[in-house]
C-alpha atoms as a PDB file:
ATOM      1  CA  MET A   1     -93.208  33.741 -22.568  1.00  0.00           C
ATOM      2  CA  ASN A   2     -92.553  37.388 -23.499  1.00  0.00           C
ATOM      3  CA  ARG A   3     -95.648  38.536 -21.619  1.00  0.00           C
ATOM      4  CA  THR A   4     -94.798  36.601 -18.492  1.00  0.00           C
ATOM      5  CA  LEU A   5     -91.207  37.828 -18.127  1.00  0.00           C
ATOM      6  CA  PRO A   6     -92.102  41.160 -16.466  1.00  0.00           C
ATOM      7  CA  VAL A   7     -94.541  39.332 -14.213  1.00  0.00           C
ATOM      8  CA  ILE A   8     -91.905  36.775 -13.284  1.00  0.00           C
ATOM      9  CA  ILE A   9     -89.460  39.503 -12.301  1.00  0.00           C
ATOM     10  CA  PHE A  10     -91.982  40.961  -9.882  1.00  0.00           C
ATOM     11  CA  ALA A  11     -93.209  37.575  -8.714  1.00  0.00           C
ATOM     12  CA  PHE A  12     -89.987  36.065  -7.453  1.00  0.00           C
ATOM     13  CA  SER A  13     -88.946  37.003  -4.004  1.00  0.00           C
ATOM     14  CA  THR A  14     -85.460  36.810  -2.619  1.00  0.00           C
ATOM     15  CA  THR A  15     -84.097  36.633   0.852  1.00  0.00           C
ATOM     16  CA  ILE A  16     -80.590  37.817   1.630  1.00  0.00           C
ATOM     17  CA  VAL A  17     -78.835  36.326   4.632  1.00  0.00           C
ATOM     18  CA  ILE A  18     -75.456  37.537   5.862  1.00  0.00           C
ATOM     19  CA  ALA A  19     -73.070  34.596   6.301  1.00  0.00           C
ATOM     20  CA  GLN A  20     -69.608  34.325   7.806  1.00  0.00           C
ATOM     21  CA  LYS A  21     -66.661  36.382   6.499  1.00  0.00           C
ATOM     22  CA  ASN A  22     -68.900  39.030   4.883  1.00  0.00           C
ATOM     23  CA  LYS A  23     -70.231  36.561   2.334  1.00  0.00           C
ATOM     24  CA  THR A  24     -73.898  36.617   1.425  1.00  0.00           C
ATOM     25  CA  VAL A  25     -76.326  33.830   0.634  1.00  0.00           C
ATOM     26  CA  ILE A  26     -79.189  34.749  -1.693  1.00  0.00           C
ATOM     27  CA  LYS A  27     -82.239  32.500  -1.530  1.00  0.00           C
ATOM     28  CA  GLY A  28     -85.536  32.784  -3.310  1.00  0.00           C
ATOM     29  CA  ARG A  29     -88.371  31.145  -5.160  1.00  0.00           C
ATOM     30  CA  LEU A  30     -89.334  31.859  -8.767  1.00  0.00           C
ATOM     31  CA  VAL A  31     -93.080  31.805  -9.454  1.00  0.00           C
ATOM     32  CA  ASP A  32     -95.181  32.598 -12.524  1.00  0.00           C
ATOM     33  CA  ILE A  33     -98.167  34.367 -10.994  1.00  0.00           C
ATOM     34  CA  LEU A  34    -100.267  34.180 -14.178  1.00  0.00           C
ATOM     35  CA  GLN A  35    -100.023  30.399 -14.360  1.00  0.00           C
ATOM     36  CA  LYS A  36     -99.834  30.087 -10.548  1.00  0.00           C
ATOM     37  CA  GLN A  37     -96.912  27.682 -10.874  1.00  0.00           C
ATOM     38  CA  GLN A  38     -93.352  27.560  -9.645  1.00  0.00           C
ATOM     39  CA  LEU A  39     -90.747  27.710 -12.404  1.00  0.00           C
ATOM     40  CA  ASP A  40     -88.471  24.710 -12.311  1.00  0.00           C
ATOM     41  CA  ASN A  41     -85.103  24.502 -14.045  1.00  0.00           C
ATOM     42  CA  ALA A  42     -84.934  28.268 -14.708  1.00  0.00           C
ATOM     43  CA  THR A  43     -81.561  30.042 -14.723  1.00  0.00           C
ATOM     44  CA  ILE A  44     -80.955  32.708 -12.076  1.00  0.00           C
ATOM     45  CA  SER A  45     -78.052  35.093 -12.759  1.00  0.00           C
ATOM     46  CA  LEU A  46     -76.573  37.727 -10.456  1.00  0.00           C
ATOM     47  CA  ILE A  47     -74.999  40.524 -12.511  1.00  0.00           C
ATOM     48  CA  ASN A  48     -72.779  43.393 -11.331  1.00  0.00           C
ATOM     49  CA  ALA A  49     -74.641  46.636 -12.108  1.00  0.00           C
ATOM     50  CA  LYS A  50     -71.415  48.594 -12.686  1.00  0.00           C
ATOM     51  CA  ASP A  51     -69.860  46.496 -15.427  1.00  0.00           C
ATOM     52  CA  SER A  52     -72.384  43.722 -16.206  1.00  0.00           C
ATOM     53  CA  SER A  53     -69.964  41.007 -15.077  1.00  0.00           C
ATOM     54  CA  LEU A  54     -71.397  37.740 -13.823  1.00  0.00           C
ATOM     55  CA  ILE A  55     -71.195  37.436 -10.046  1.00  0.00           C
ATOM     56  CA  GLY A  56     -73.010  34.137  -9.629  1.00  0.00           C
ATOM     57  CA  PHE A  57     -75.630  31.898 -11.141  1.00  0.00           C
ATOM     58  CA  THR A  58     -77.726  28.832 -10.404  1.00  0.00           C
ATOM     59  CA  ARG A  59     -80.852  27.017 -11.570  1.00  0.00           C
ATOM     60  CA  THR A  60     -84.132  26.587  -9.761  1.00  0.00           C
ATOM     61  CA  ASP A  61     -85.117  23.192  -8.392  1.00  0.00           C
ATOM     62  CA  ALA A  62     -88.388  21.362  -9.063  1.00  0.00           C
ATOM     63  CA  GLU A  63     -90.208  23.714  -6.652  1.00  0.00           C
ATOM     64  CA  GLY A  64     -88.762  26.926  -8.114  1.00  0.00           C
ATOM     65  CA  ARG A  65     -86.322  27.477  -5.227  1.00  0.00           C
ATOM     66  CA  PHE A  66     -82.771  28.707  -5.707  1.00  0.00           C
ATOM     67  CA  VAL A  67     -79.701  29.554  -3.635  1.00  0.00           C
ATOM     68  CA  ILE A  68     -76.602  31.521  -4.666  1.00  0.00           C
ATOM     69  CA  VAL A  69     -73.803  31.214  -2.074  1.00  0.00           C
ATOM     70  CA  GLY A  70     -70.475  32.930  -1.516  1.00  0.00           C
ATOM     71  CA  VAL A  71     -71.422  36.357  -2.847  1.00  0.00           C
ATOM     72  CA  ASN A  72     -69.473  39.293  -1.406  1.00  0.00           C
ATOM     73  CA  ALA A  73     -71.707  41.528   0.692  1.00  0.00           C
ATOM     74  CA  GLY A  74     -72.555  44.891  -0.789  1.00  0.00           C
END
């Protein structure tokens, strides 16, 4: 697992979509490129870079997909 973590970080892609009232929806899919498998039931956390506070979190579904909704833009 320790060897795959850096690979996982580079392997998952996110898509940011601007929603109404300056809220953002973050969507993506988490994939282990060494095993060529999606990562199901993994925790995705969005952390504020300034103070390390938790902005949002979710878990991936059976296909490695995730969505974090209601995040302030910027």
